[in-house]
N, C-alpha and C. Protein backbone atom coordinates (compact mmCIF):
# COMPACT_ATOMS: atom_id res chain seq x y z
N MET A 1 37.38 -70.74 -10.90
CA MET A 1 36.18 -69.99 -11.17
C MET A 1 35.26 -70.83 -12.03
N ASP A 2 33.98 -70.75 -11.76
CA ASP A 2 32.97 -71.51 -12.49
C ASP A 2 32.72 -70.84 -13.85
N GLU A 3 32.91 -71.59 -14.92
CA GLU A 3 32.73 -71.06 -16.28
C GLU A 3 31.45 -71.58 -16.92
N GLU A 4 30.42 -71.81 -16.12
CA GLU A 4 29.15 -72.28 -16.64
C GLU A 4 28.56 -71.22 -17.57
N ALA A 5 28.11 -71.64 -18.73
CA ALA A 5 27.53 -70.71 -19.72
C ALA A 5 26.18 -70.20 -19.24
N ILE A 6 25.89 -68.97 -19.59
CA ILE A 6 24.61 -68.33 -19.31
C ILE A 6 23.88 -68.18 -20.63
N THR A 7 22.63 -68.57 -20.65
CA THR A 7 21.82 -68.43 -21.86
C THR A 7 20.87 -67.25 -21.70
N ILE A 8 20.87 -66.38 -22.69
CA ILE A 8 19.96 -65.25 -22.72
C ILE A 8 19.04 -65.46 -23.92
N LYS A 9 17.75 -65.39 -23.69
CA LYS A 9 16.80 -65.58 -24.77
C LYS A 9 16.19 -64.23 -25.15
N LEU A 10 16.25 -63.96 -26.44
CA LEU A 10 15.67 -62.74 -27.01
C LEU A 10 14.71 -63.15 -28.11
N THR A 11 13.71 -62.31 -28.34
CA THR A 11 12.90 -62.53 -29.53
C THR A 11 13.74 -62.13 -30.73
N ARG A 12 13.31 -62.53 -31.90
CA ARG A 12 14.05 -62.17 -33.11
C ARG A 12 14.09 -60.65 -33.27
N ASP A 13 12.97 -59.98 -32.99
CA ASP A 13 12.95 -58.51 -33.06
C ASP A 13 13.93 -57.91 -32.06
N GLN A 14 13.95 -58.40 -30.85
CA GLN A 14 14.89 -57.88 -29.85
C GLN A 14 16.33 -58.07 -30.30
N ALA A 15 16.63 -59.25 -30.82
CA ALA A 15 17.99 -59.53 -31.27
C ALA A 15 18.38 -58.62 -32.43
N PHE A 16 17.48 -58.41 -33.37
CA PHE A 16 17.75 -57.58 -34.55
C PHE A 16 18.01 -56.14 -34.13
N VAL A 17 17.15 -55.60 -33.28
CA VAL A 17 17.31 -54.21 -32.83
C VAL A 17 18.57 -54.06 -31.99
N LEU A 18 18.84 -55.03 -31.12
CA LEU A 18 20.07 -54.98 -30.31
C LEU A 18 21.31 -55.05 -31.18
N SER A 19 21.30 -55.91 -32.18
CA SER A 19 22.43 -56.03 -33.10
C SER A 19 22.72 -54.70 -33.78
N ASP A 20 21.68 -54.05 -34.27
CA ASP A 20 21.87 -52.76 -34.93
C ASP A 20 22.40 -51.72 -33.95
N TRP A 21 21.83 -51.68 -32.75
CA TRP A 21 22.28 -50.71 -31.76
C TRP A 21 23.73 -50.93 -31.37
N LEU A 22 24.10 -52.18 -31.12
CA LEU A 22 25.50 -52.47 -30.78
C LEU A 22 26.43 -52.03 -31.89
N TYR A 23 26.05 -52.31 -33.12
CA TYR A 23 26.87 -51.88 -34.25
C TYR A 23 27.00 -50.36 -34.27
N GLN A 24 25.88 -49.65 -34.11
CA GLN A 24 25.91 -48.18 -34.15
C GLN A 24 26.78 -47.63 -33.03
N VAL A 25 26.65 -48.15 -31.84
CA VAL A 25 27.45 -47.67 -30.71
C VAL A 25 28.93 -47.93 -30.95
N MET A 26 29.25 -49.11 -31.43
CA MET A 26 30.65 -49.46 -31.65
C MET A 26 31.23 -48.70 -32.85
N ALA A 27 30.43 -48.41 -33.85
CA ALA A 27 30.90 -47.72 -35.04
C ALA A 27 31.09 -46.22 -34.81
N GLN A 28 30.44 -45.68 -33.80
CA GLN A 28 30.55 -44.24 -33.55
C GLN A 28 31.83 -43.87 -32.83
N SER A 29 32.60 -44.84 -32.45
CA SER A 29 33.87 -44.60 -31.78
C SER A 29 34.98 -45.19 -32.64
N ASP A 30 36.13 -44.56 -32.61
CA ASP A 30 37.27 -45.11 -33.34
C ASP A 30 37.70 -46.45 -32.76
N ASP A 31 37.45 -46.60 -31.48
CA ASP A 31 37.76 -47.87 -30.84
C ASP A 31 36.78 -48.09 -29.70
N LEU A 32 36.63 -49.32 -29.31
CA LEU A 32 35.68 -49.65 -28.25
C LEU A 32 36.05 -49.00 -26.93
N GLU A 33 37.33 -48.74 -26.72
CA GLU A 33 37.78 -48.14 -25.46
C GLU A 33 37.16 -46.76 -25.23
N GLY A 34 36.82 -46.06 -26.30
CA GLY A 34 36.20 -44.76 -26.15
C GLY A 34 34.80 -44.82 -25.55
N ILE A 35 34.17 -45.97 -25.64
CA ILE A 35 32.81 -46.14 -25.13
C ILE A 35 32.81 -46.95 -23.84
N VAL A 36 33.55 -48.04 -23.85
CA VAL A 36 33.59 -48.96 -22.72
C VAL A 36 35.01 -48.92 -22.17
N HIS A 37 35.17 -48.31 -21.02
CA HIS A 37 36.50 -48.08 -20.47
C HIS A 37 37.12 -49.32 -19.83
N ASP A 38 36.30 -50.24 -19.37
CA ASP A 38 36.81 -51.46 -18.74
C ASP A 38 36.92 -52.55 -19.79
N ARG A 39 38.14 -52.92 -20.14
CA ARG A 39 38.35 -53.91 -21.20
C ARG A 39 37.74 -55.27 -20.88
N ALA A 40 37.50 -55.56 -19.63
CA ALA A 40 36.87 -56.83 -19.27
C ALA A 40 35.46 -56.94 -19.88
N VAL A 41 34.84 -55.81 -20.12
CA VAL A 41 33.48 -55.79 -20.68
C VAL A 41 33.52 -56.08 -22.19
N TRP A 42 34.64 -55.88 -22.82
CA TRP A 42 34.74 -56.10 -24.27
C TRP A 42 34.44 -57.54 -24.65
N SER A 43 34.91 -58.48 -23.85
CA SER A 43 34.71 -59.89 -24.17
C SER A 43 33.24 -60.24 -24.34
N PRO A 44 32.37 -59.91 -23.38
CA PRO A 44 30.96 -60.24 -23.58
C PRO A 44 30.32 -59.43 -24.72
N ILE A 45 30.77 -58.20 -24.91
CA ILE A 45 30.22 -57.41 -26.01
C ILE A 45 30.55 -58.06 -27.35
N TYR A 46 31.80 -58.46 -27.52
CA TYR A 46 32.20 -59.13 -28.76
C TYR A 46 31.47 -60.47 -28.93
N THR A 47 31.28 -61.19 -27.85
CA THR A 47 30.58 -62.47 -27.93
C THR A 47 29.13 -62.28 -28.35
N ILE A 48 28.46 -61.33 -27.73
CA ILE A 48 27.06 -61.05 -28.08
C ILE A 48 26.96 -60.58 -29.52
N THR A 49 27.81 -59.64 -29.91
CA THR A 49 27.78 -59.11 -31.27
C THR A 49 28.04 -60.22 -32.29
N GLY A 50 29.04 -61.04 -32.04
CA GLY A 50 29.36 -62.13 -32.96
C GLY A 50 28.24 -63.14 -33.07
N THR A 51 27.63 -63.47 -31.95
CA THR A 51 26.51 -64.42 -31.96
C THR A 51 25.33 -63.85 -32.74
N LEU A 52 25.03 -62.59 -32.53
CA LEU A 52 23.93 -61.96 -33.27
C LEU A 52 24.24 -61.92 -34.77
N ASP A 53 25.47 -61.57 -35.11
CA ASP A 53 25.86 -61.52 -36.53
C ASP A 53 25.71 -62.87 -37.21
N LYS A 54 26.06 -63.94 -36.51
CA LYS A 54 25.98 -65.28 -37.09
C LYS A 54 24.55 -65.81 -37.14
N THR A 55 23.70 -65.30 -36.27
CA THR A 55 22.35 -65.83 -36.13
C THR A 55 21.32 -65.11 -37.00
N LEU A 56 21.49 -63.81 -37.18
CA LEU A 56 20.46 -63.00 -37.83
C LEU A 56 20.65 -62.90 -39.33
N SER A 57 19.78 -63.52 -40.08
CA SER A 57 19.82 -63.40 -41.53
C SER A 57 19.36 -62.01 -41.97
N GLU A 58 18.59 -61.32 -41.13
CA GLU A 58 18.05 -60.01 -41.48
C GLU A 58 19.15 -58.99 -41.80
N ILE A 59 20.30 -59.13 -41.18
CA ILE A 59 21.35 -58.12 -41.39
C ILE A 59 21.95 -58.22 -42.79
N PHE A 60 21.63 -59.28 -43.51
CA PHE A 60 22.15 -59.46 -44.86
C PHE A 60 21.09 -59.24 -45.94
N MET A 61 19.90 -58.85 -45.56
CA MET A 61 18.80 -58.71 -46.52
C MET A 61 18.77 -57.30 -47.11
N PRO A 62 18.39 -57.20 -48.37
CA PRO A 62 18.38 -55.89 -49.03
C PRO A 62 17.37 -54.92 -48.43
N ASP A 63 16.34 -55.42 -47.76
CA ASP A 63 15.34 -54.54 -47.14
C ASP A 63 15.60 -54.38 -45.64
N TYR A 64 16.88 -54.31 -45.29
CA TYR A 64 17.33 -54.17 -43.90
C TYR A 64 16.61 -53.03 -43.18
N GLY A 65 16.62 -51.84 -43.76
CA GLY A 65 16.04 -50.66 -43.11
C GLY A 65 14.58 -50.83 -42.75
N PRO A 66 13.74 -51.18 -43.72
CA PRO A 66 12.32 -51.38 -43.40
C PRO A 66 12.09 -52.50 -42.38
N ARG A 67 12.85 -53.56 -42.46
CA ARG A 67 12.71 -54.66 -41.49
C ARG A 67 13.08 -54.18 -40.09
N LEU A 68 14.16 -53.40 -39.99
CA LEU A 68 14.59 -52.89 -38.69
C LEU A 68 13.53 -51.97 -38.10
N GLU A 69 13.02 -51.07 -38.91
CA GLU A 69 11.99 -50.14 -38.42
C GLU A 69 10.74 -50.88 -37.99
N ALA A 70 10.34 -51.89 -38.72
CA ALA A 70 9.16 -52.69 -38.35
C ALA A 70 9.41 -53.41 -37.03
N ALA A 71 10.61 -53.95 -36.84
CA ALA A 71 10.95 -54.62 -35.58
C ALA A 71 10.90 -53.64 -34.42
N LYS A 72 11.43 -52.44 -34.63
CA LYS A 72 11.41 -51.42 -33.58
C LYS A 72 9.98 -51.05 -33.22
N GLU A 73 9.14 -50.88 -34.22
CA GLU A 73 7.74 -50.53 -33.97
C GLU A 73 7.03 -51.62 -33.18
N ARG A 74 7.28 -52.88 -33.52
CA ARG A 74 6.64 -53.98 -32.78
C ARG A 74 7.11 -53.99 -31.32
N LEU A 75 8.40 -53.75 -31.11
CA LEU A 75 8.92 -53.72 -29.74
C LEU A 75 8.35 -52.55 -28.96
N ARG A 76 8.23 -51.39 -29.59
CA ARG A 76 7.63 -50.23 -28.93
C ARG A 76 6.18 -50.52 -28.58
N ALA A 77 5.46 -51.14 -29.50
CA ALA A 77 4.06 -51.47 -29.26
C ALA A 77 3.94 -52.45 -28.09
N ASP A 78 4.85 -53.42 -28.02
CA ASP A 78 4.83 -54.37 -26.91
C ASP A 78 5.09 -53.68 -25.58
N LEU A 79 6.01 -52.72 -25.58
CA LEU A 79 6.35 -52.02 -24.34
C LEU A 79 5.33 -50.97 -23.94
N TYR A 80 4.84 -50.23 -24.93
CA TYR A 80 4.02 -49.05 -24.62
C TYR A 80 2.59 -49.16 -25.10
N GLY A 81 2.22 -50.26 -25.70
CA GLY A 81 0.85 -50.41 -26.17
C GLY A 81 0.58 -49.68 -27.47
N GLY A 82 1.60 -49.20 -28.12
CA GLY A 82 1.47 -48.49 -29.38
C GLY A 82 2.80 -47.93 -29.79
N ALA A 83 2.85 -47.30 -30.94
CA ALA A 83 4.10 -46.73 -31.43
C ALA A 83 4.57 -45.64 -30.49
N ASP A 84 5.86 -45.62 -30.24
CA ASP A 84 6.46 -44.62 -29.37
C ASP A 84 7.60 -43.96 -30.12
N GLU A 85 7.64 -42.67 -30.15
CA GLU A 85 8.71 -41.96 -30.82
C GLU A 85 9.91 -41.85 -29.89
N SER A 86 10.79 -42.84 -29.95
CA SER A 86 11.95 -42.83 -29.06
C SER A 86 13.20 -42.32 -29.74
N THR A 87 13.08 -41.94 -31.01
CA THR A 87 14.22 -41.41 -31.72
C THR A 87 14.45 -39.98 -31.26
N ALA A 88 15.68 -39.64 -31.01
CA ALA A 88 16.02 -38.28 -30.58
C ALA A 88 15.67 -37.29 -31.68
N PRO A 89 15.26 -36.07 -31.31
CA PRO A 89 14.94 -35.08 -32.33
C PRO A 89 16.12 -34.86 -33.27
N GLY A 90 15.84 -34.86 -34.55
CA GLY A 90 16.88 -34.63 -35.54
C GLY A 90 17.68 -35.87 -35.89
N GLN A 91 17.44 -36.98 -35.22
CA GLN A 91 18.18 -38.22 -35.51
C GLN A 91 17.58 -38.87 -36.73
N ASP A 92 18.41 -39.14 -37.71
CA ASP A 92 17.96 -39.77 -38.94
C ASP A 92 18.18 -41.27 -38.84
N THR A 93 17.09 -42.03 -38.88
CA THR A 93 17.21 -43.48 -38.75
C THR A 93 17.34 -44.16 -40.09
N THR A 94 17.25 -43.42 -41.19
CA THR A 94 17.30 -44.07 -42.50
C THR A 94 18.72 -44.37 -42.94
N ASP A 95 19.70 -43.57 -42.52
CA ASP A 95 21.08 -43.80 -42.94
C ASP A 95 21.76 -44.89 -42.14
N ALA A 96 21.41 -45.03 -40.87
CA ALA A 96 22.09 -45.98 -40.00
C ALA A 96 22.04 -47.41 -40.51
N PRO A 97 20.87 -47.92 -40.92
CA PRO A 97 20.86 -49.31 -41.40
C PRO A 97 21.77 -49.52 -42.61
N GLN A 98 21.77 -48.58 -43.54
CA GLN A 98 22.62 -48.73 -44.72
C GLN A 98 24.09 -48.74 -44.31
N ALA A 99 24.47 -47.88 -43.36
CA ALA A 99 25.86 -47.87 -42.90
C ALA A 99 26.20 -49.20 -42.25
N HIS A 100 25.28 -49.77 -41.51
CA HIS A 100 25.49 -51.06 -40.87
C HIS A 100 25.75 -52.12 -41.93
N GLN A 101 24.98 -52.12 -42.99
CA GLN A 101 25.15 -53.10 -44.04
C GLN A 101 26.45 -52.88 -44.80
N ILE A 102 26.81 -51.65 -45.05
CA ILE A 102 28.05 -51.38 -45.77
C ILE A 102 29.24 -51.89 -44.98
N GLU A 103 29.28 -51.60 -43.68
CA GLU A 103 30.38 -52.05 -42.84
C GLU A 103 30.45 -53.57 -42.82
N ARG A 104 29.30 -54.22 -42.78
CA ARG A 104 29.27 -55.67 -42.72
C ARG A 104 29.43 -56.28 -44.11
N GLY A 105 29.56 -55.43 -45.14
CA GLY A 105 29.79 -55.92 -46.48
C GLY A 105 28.56 -56.52 -47.11
N THR A 106 27.37 -55.97 -46.76
CA THR A 106 26.15 -56.60 -47.23
C THR A 106 25.25 -55.69 -48.03
N ALA A 107 25.52 -54.40 -48.12
CA ALA A 107 24.60 -53.49 -48.79
C ALA A 107 24.44 -53.85 -50.25
N GLY A 108 23.20 -54.08 -50.64
CA GLY A 108 22.89 -54.32 -52.04
C GLY A 108 23.37 -55.64 -52.61
N ASN A 109 23.69 -56.60 -51.79
CA ASN A 109 24.20 -57.84 -52.35
C ASN A 109 23.20 -58.99 -52.24
N ARG A 110 21.95 -58.65 -52.11
CA ARG A 110 20.87 -59.64 -52.11
C ARG A 110 21.04 -60.71 -51.04
N GLY A 111 21.52 -60.31 -49.88
CA GLY A 111 21.58 -61.22 -48.75
C GLY A 111 22.81 -62.09 -48.66
N GLU A 112 23.80 -61.89 -49.52
CA GLU A 112 25.00 -62.71 -49.47
C GLU A 112 26.11 -61.92 -48.81
N SER A 113 26.79 -62.50 -47.87
CA SER A 113 27.85 -61.83 -47.15
C SER A 113 29.17 -61.95 -47.87
N ASN A 114 29.95 -60.89 -47.80
CA ASN A 114 31.31 -60.92 -48.34
C ASN A 114 32.30 -61.42 -47.29
N ARG A 115 31.82 -61.74 -46.11
CA ARG A 115 32.70 -62.11 -45.01
C ARG A 115 32.76 -63.62 -44.83
N GLY A 116 32.25 -64.39 -45.77
CA GLY A 116 32.39 -65.83 -45.71
C GLY A 116 31.48 -66.53 -44.74
N ARG A 117 30.38 -65.88 -44.39
CA ARG A 117 29.43 -66.54 -43.49
C ARG A 117 28.32 -67.14 -44.26
């Protein structure tokens, strides 16, 4: 089988928003199997998540939440020509970024990771 690498290019905003979304989806389940039933899909998910984690300095910054919201707004504006309310009714977007940082060991640590990166 041909194992030629595939390169996917994302803008920094796209990568940041995707990283947060992947984290939220994976964190909402006790295990990845609850969301993705075919284990073959786990490999690319872990690869993408790991690459984003290593690449994005934003996930370690103390102003994670505002940066994430600004990135989302720019992406919505690019897609729809202006801000689009794509958050589900009643969904609180302020807690999710903090939870993401806590899990990654970065909340309130001025951009330094506890995971040795």
